[in-house]
Amino acid sequence: GFKFIFLLIFIITSLAFFGVWHMMPKNLHPSPTSLKNLIPAFSHQNLLKTYTITICSCGAQFVLYTYLQKLLVEISGFKVQDTAYIL
């Protein structure tokens, strides 16, 4: 059921992580930063809209996956075992 799906997600995420790590340039050096440098990012109207959309999207996905399984089983008539593959 759901354990296989989580394993599959872990494998795909691990492959993506190591792929990005392998493709990143090796000569990058971090520049010094502070929290004061982030304050201007919150003063731009377009960035605030982007942050709001991102926060709402993440929250909506959490709500969707929390309650969708119950709706699929009780209303749509799917088996509990099948909902892991559907989601």
N, C-alpha and C. Protein backbone atom coordinates (compact mmCIF):
# COMPACT_ATOMS: atom_id res chain seq x y z
N GLY A 1 0.80 -1.18 0.00
CA GLY A 1 0.00 0.00 0.00
C GLY A 1 0.84 1.24 0.00
N PHE A 2 0.68 2.05 1.04
CA PHE A 2 1.32 3.35 1.07
C PHE A 2 2.83 3.27 1.30
N LYS A 3 3.33 2.19 1.89
CA LYS A 3 4.77 2.08 2.14
C LYS A 3 5.54 2.02 0.83
N PHE A 4 4.99 1.32 -0.16
CA PHE A 4 5.64 1.25 -1.46
C PHE A 4 5.69 2.63 -2.11
N ILE A 5 4.62 3.40 -1.98
CA ILE A 5 4.58 4.74 -2.57
C ILE A 5 5.62 5.64 -1.91
N PHE A 6 5.74 5.57 -0.58
CA PHE A 6 6.75 6.36 0.10
C PHE A 6 8.16 5.93 -0.29
N LEU A 7 8.37 4.65 -0.47
CA LEU A 7 9.67 4.16 -0.92
C LEU A 7 9.97 4.68 -2.32
N LEU A 8 9.00 4.66 -3.19
CA LEU A 8 9.17 5.16 -4.55
C LEU A 8 9.49 6.66 -4.55
N ILE A 9 8.78 7.42 -3.73
CA ILE A 9 9.06 8.85 -3.61
C ILE A 9 10.46 9.08 -3.08
N PHE A 10 10.89 8.29 -2.10
CA PHE A 10 12.24 8.41 -1.56
C PHE A 10 13.29 8.14 -2.62
N ILE A 11 13.08 7.11 -3.42
CA ILE A 11 14.05 6.75 -4.46
C ILE A 11 14.14 7.85 -5.51
N ILE A 12 13.00 8.35 -5.97
CA ILE A 12 13.01 9.40 -6.99
C ILE A 12 13.64 10.67 -6.45
N THR A 13 13.33 11.02 -5.20
CA THR A 13 13.91 12.21 -4.59
C THR A 13 15.42 12.06 -4.42
N SER A 14 15.87 10.88 -4.02
CA SER A 14 17.30 10.64 -3.87
C SER A 14 18.02 10.75 -5.21
N LEU A 15 17.43 10.19 -6.25
CA LEU A 15 18.03 10.31 -7.59
C LEU A 15 18.12 11.76 -8.03
N ALA A 16 17.07 12.53 -7.77
CA ALA A 16 17.09 13.95 -8.13
C ALA A 16 18.14 14.70 -7.33
N PHE A 17 18.25 14.41 -6.03
CA PHE A 17 19.23 15.08 -5.18
C PHE A 17 20.65 14.81 -5.67
N PHE A 18 20.97 13.56 -5.90
CA PHE A 18 22.33 13.23 -6.34
C PHE A 18 22.60 13.72 -7.76
N GLY A 19 21.57 13.78 -8.60
CA GLY A 19 21.74 14.35 -9.93
C GLY A 19 22.08 15.83 -9.88
N VAL A 20 21.36 16.57 -9.04
CA VAL A 20 21.64 18.00 -8.89
C VAL A 20 23.00 18.20 -8.25
N TRP A 21 23.33 17.41 -7.26
CA TRP A 21 24.62 17.53 -6.58
C TRP A 21 25.76 17.27 -7.57
N HIS A 22 25.59 16.30 -8.43
CA HIS A 22 26.62 15.97 -9.42
C HIS A 22 26.76 17.07 -10.47
N MET A 23 25.67 17.71 -10.84
CA MET A 23 25.69 18.71 -11.91
C MET A 23 26.08 20.11 -11.43
N MET A 24 26.05 20.35 -10.12
CA MET A 24 26.40 21.67 -9.61
C MET A 24 27.88 21.96 -9.84
N PRO A 25 28.21 23.20 -10.16
CA PRO A 25 29.63 23.55 -10.31
C PRO A 25 30.38 23.37 -8.99
N LYS A 26 31.61 22.91 -9.09
CA LYS A 26 32.40 22.63 -7.89
C LYS A 26 33.11 23.87 -7.35
N ASN A 27 33.18 24.93 -8.14
CA ASN A 27 33.96 26.10 -7.73
C ASN A 27 33.11 27.22 -7.14
N LEU A 28 31.93 26.92 -6.66
CA LEU A 28 31.08 27.93 -6.05
C LEU A 28 31.54 28.22 -4.62
N HIS A 29 31.59 29.49 -4.28
CA HIS A 29 31.96 29.89 -2.93
C HIS A 29 30.81 30.73 -2.36
N PRO A 30 30.33 30.39 -1.17
CA PRO A 30 29.21 31.15 -0.61
C PRO A 30 29.62 32.57 -0.25
N SER A 31 28.73 33.50 -0.48
CA SER A 31 28.99 34.89 -0.11
C SER A 31 28.38 35.15 1.27
N PRO A 32 28.98 36.04 2.03
CA PRO A 32 28.44 36.31 3.37
C PRO A 32 27.07 36.99 3.27
N THR A 33 26.14 36.51 4.06
CA THR A 33 24.79 37.08 4.07
C THR A 33 24.33 37.26 5.51
N SER A 34 23.25 37.98 5.65
CA SER A 34 22.65 38.16 6.96
C SER A 34 21.14 38.25 6.78
N LEU A 35 20.42 38.21 7.87
CA LEU A 35 18.97 38.33 7.80
C LEU A 35 18.53 39.72 7.34
N LYS A 36 19.37 40.72 7.55
CA LYS A 36 19.04 42.07 7.10
C LYS A 36 18.94 42.13 5.58
N ASN A 37 19.67 41.26 4.89
CA ASN A 37 19.61 41.24 3.43
C ASN A 37 18.29 40.68 2.92
N LEU A 38 17.56 39.96 3.75
CA LEU A 38 16.28 39.39 3.33
C LEU A 38 15.12 40.36 3.45
N ILE A 39 15.26 41.38 4.25
CA ILE A 39 14.17 42.32 4.49
C ILE A 39 13.68 42.99 3.20
N PRO A 40 14.56 43.44 2.31
CA PRO A 40 14.04 44.03 1.05
C PRO A 40 13.22 43.06 0.20
N ALA A 41 13.46 41.78 0.34
CA ALA A 41 12.69 40.80 -0.44
C ALA A 41 11.23 40.79 -0.04
N PHE A 42 10.92 41.20 1.17
CA PHE A 42 9.53 41.23 1.64
C PHE A 42 8.84 42.56 1.34
N SER A 43 9.56 43.50 0.75
CA SER A 43 8.95 44.79 0.45
C SER A 43 8.47 44.89 -1.00
N HIS A 44 8.79 43.92 -1.83
CA HIS A 44 8.35 43.93 -3.23
C HIS A 44 6.98 43.29 -3.34
N GLN A 45 6.08 44.00 -3.99
CA GLN A 45 4.69 43.54 -4.12
C GLN A 45 4.60 42.21 -4.87
N ASN A 46 5.34 42.07 -5.96
CA ASN A 46 5.27 40.83 -6.74
C ASN A 46 5.81 39.64 -5.96
N LEU A 47 6.85 39.85 -5.18
CA LEU A 47 7.39 38.75 -4.37
C LEU A 47 6.41 38.37 -3.26
N LEU A 48 5.74 39.34 -2.67
CA LEU A 48 4.74 39.03 -1.64
C LEU A 48 3.60 38.20 -2.22
N LYS A 49 3.18 38.51 -3.43
CA LYS A 49 2.15 37.71 -4.09
C LYS A 49 2.64 36.28 -4.32
N THR A 50 3.89 36.16 -4.74
CA THR A 50 4.46 34.83 -4.97
C THR A 50 4.54 34.03 -3.68
N TYR A 51 4.97 34.67 -2.60
CA TYR A 51 5.04 33.99 -1.31
C TYR A 51 3.65 33.54 -0.85
N THR A 52 2.67 34.41 -1.03
CA THR A 52 1.30 34.08 -0.61
C THR A 52 0.75 32.90 -1.41
N ILE A 53 0.97 32.91 -2.71
CA ILE A 53 0.49 31.80 -3.55
C ILE A 53 1.18 30.50 -3.15
N THR A 54 2.47 30.55 -2.88
CA THR A 54 3.21 29.35 -2.48
C THR A 54 2.69 28.81 -1.15
N ILE A 55 2.48 29.67 -0.18
CA ILE A 55 1.98 29.24 1.13
C ILE A 55 0.59 28.63 1.00
N CYS A 56 -0.28 29.28 0.24
CA CYS A 56 -1.64 28.76 0.06
C CYS A 56 -1.64 27.43 -0.69
N SER A 57 -0.77 27.30 -1.68
CA SER A 57 -0.70 26.04 -2.44
C SER A 57 -0.23 24.89 -1.56
N CYS A 58 0.78 25.14 -0.74
CA CYS A 58 1.26 24.07 0.15
C CYS A 58 0.19 23.69 1.17
N GLY A 59 -0.49 24.68 1.71
CA GLY A 59 -1.57 24.39 2.66
C GLY A 59 -2.71 23.64 2.00
N ALA A 60 -3.04 24.01 0.78
CA ALA A 60 -4.13 23.34 0.07
C ALA A 60 -3.78 21.89 -0.24
N GLN A 61 -2.53 21.63 -0.59
CA GLN A 61 -2.12 20.24 -0.85
C GLN A 61 -2.21 19.41 0.42
N PHE A 62 -1.84 19.98 1.55
CA PHE A 62 -1.94 19.25 2.81
C PHE A 62 -3.39 18.89 3.10
N VAL A 63 -4.28 19.87 2.95
CA VAL A 63 -5.71 19.62 3.20
C VAL A 63 -6.25 18.60 2.21
N LEU A 64 -5.87 18.72 0.96
CA LEU A 64 -6.36 17.80 -0.06
C LEU A 64 -5.99 16.36 0.27
N TYR A 65 -4.72 16.10 0.55
CA TYR A 65 -4.29 14.74 0.83
C TYR A 65 -4.78 14.23 2.18
N THR A 66 -5.08 15.15 3.10
CA THR A 66 -5.59 14.72 4.40
C THR A 66 -7.02 14.21 4.29
N TYR A 67 -7.86 14.90 3.54
CA TYR A 67 -9.27 14.57 3.49
C TYR A 67 -9.70 13.82 2.24
N LEU A 68 -8.88 13.79 1.22
CA LEU A 68 -9.29 13.16 -0.03
C LEU A 68 -9.43 11.65 0.10
N GLN A 69 -8.58 11.02 0.90
CA GLN A 69 -8.68 9.57 1.05
C GLN A 69 -10.02 9.17 1.67
N LYS A 70 -10.45 9.93 2.66
CA LYS A 70 -11.73 9.64 3.30
C LYS A 70 -12.88 9.80 2.30
N LEU A 71 -12.81 10.83 1.47
CA LEU A 71 -13.85 11.04 0.46
C LEU A 71 -13.84 9.94 -0.59
N LEU A 72 -12.65 9.51 -0.99
CA LEU A 72 -12.57 8.44 -1.99
C LEU A 72 -13.16 7.14 -1.47
N VAL A 73 -12.94 6.85 -0.20
CA VAL A 73 -13.43 5.59 0.37
C VAL A 73 -14.92 5.67 0.66
N GLU A 74 -15.35 6.71 1.37
CA GLU A 74 -16.73 6.77 1.83
C GLU A 74 -17.73 7.19 0.76
N ILE A 75 -17.35 8.11 -0.09
CA ILE A 75 -18.31 8.62 -1.07
C ILE A 75 -18.16 7.93 -2.42
N SER A 76 -16.92 7.80 -2.89
CA SER A 76 -16.70 7.23 -4.22
C SER A 76 -16.70 5.71 -4.22
N GLY A 77 -16.49 5.09 -3.07
CA GLY A 77 -16.55 3.64 -2.98
C GLY A 77 -15.27 2.91 -3.32
N PHE A 78 -14.14 3.60 -3.35
CA PHE A 78 -12.87 2.92 -3.60
C PHE A 78 -12.45 2.13 -2.37
N LYS A 79 -11.63 1.11 -2.58
CA LYS A 79 -11.07 0.36 -1.46
C LYS A 79 -9.94 1.17 -0.84
N VAL A 80 -9.73 0.98 0.46
CA VAL A 80 -8.68 1.71 1.16
C VAL A 80 -7.32 1.41 0.53
N GLN A 81 -7.10 0.17 0.11
CA GLN A 81 -5.83 -0.22 -0.48
C GLN A 81 -5.57 0.49 -1.81
N ASP A 82 -6.62 0.82 -2.53
CA ASP A 82 -6.46 1.45 -3.84
C ASP A 82 -6.18 2.95 -3.76
N THR A 83 -6.50 3.57 -2.64
CA THR A 83 -6.34 5.02 -2.55
C THR A 83 -4.88 5.45 -2.59
N ALA A 84 -3.97 4.62 -2.12
CA ALA A 84 -2.55 4.97 -2.18
C ALA A 84 -2.09 5.11 -3.62
N TYR A 85 -2.58 4.28 -4.50
CA TYR A 85 -2.19 4.36 -5.91
C TYR A 85 -2.89 5.52 -6.61
N ILE A 86 -4.11 5.83 -6.19
CA ILE A 86 -4.85 6.94 -6.79
C ILE A 86 -4.21 8.27 -6.42
N LEU A 87 -3.83 8.41 -5.15
CA LEU A 87 -3.25 9.66 -4.69
C LEU A 87 -1.82 9.78 -5.14
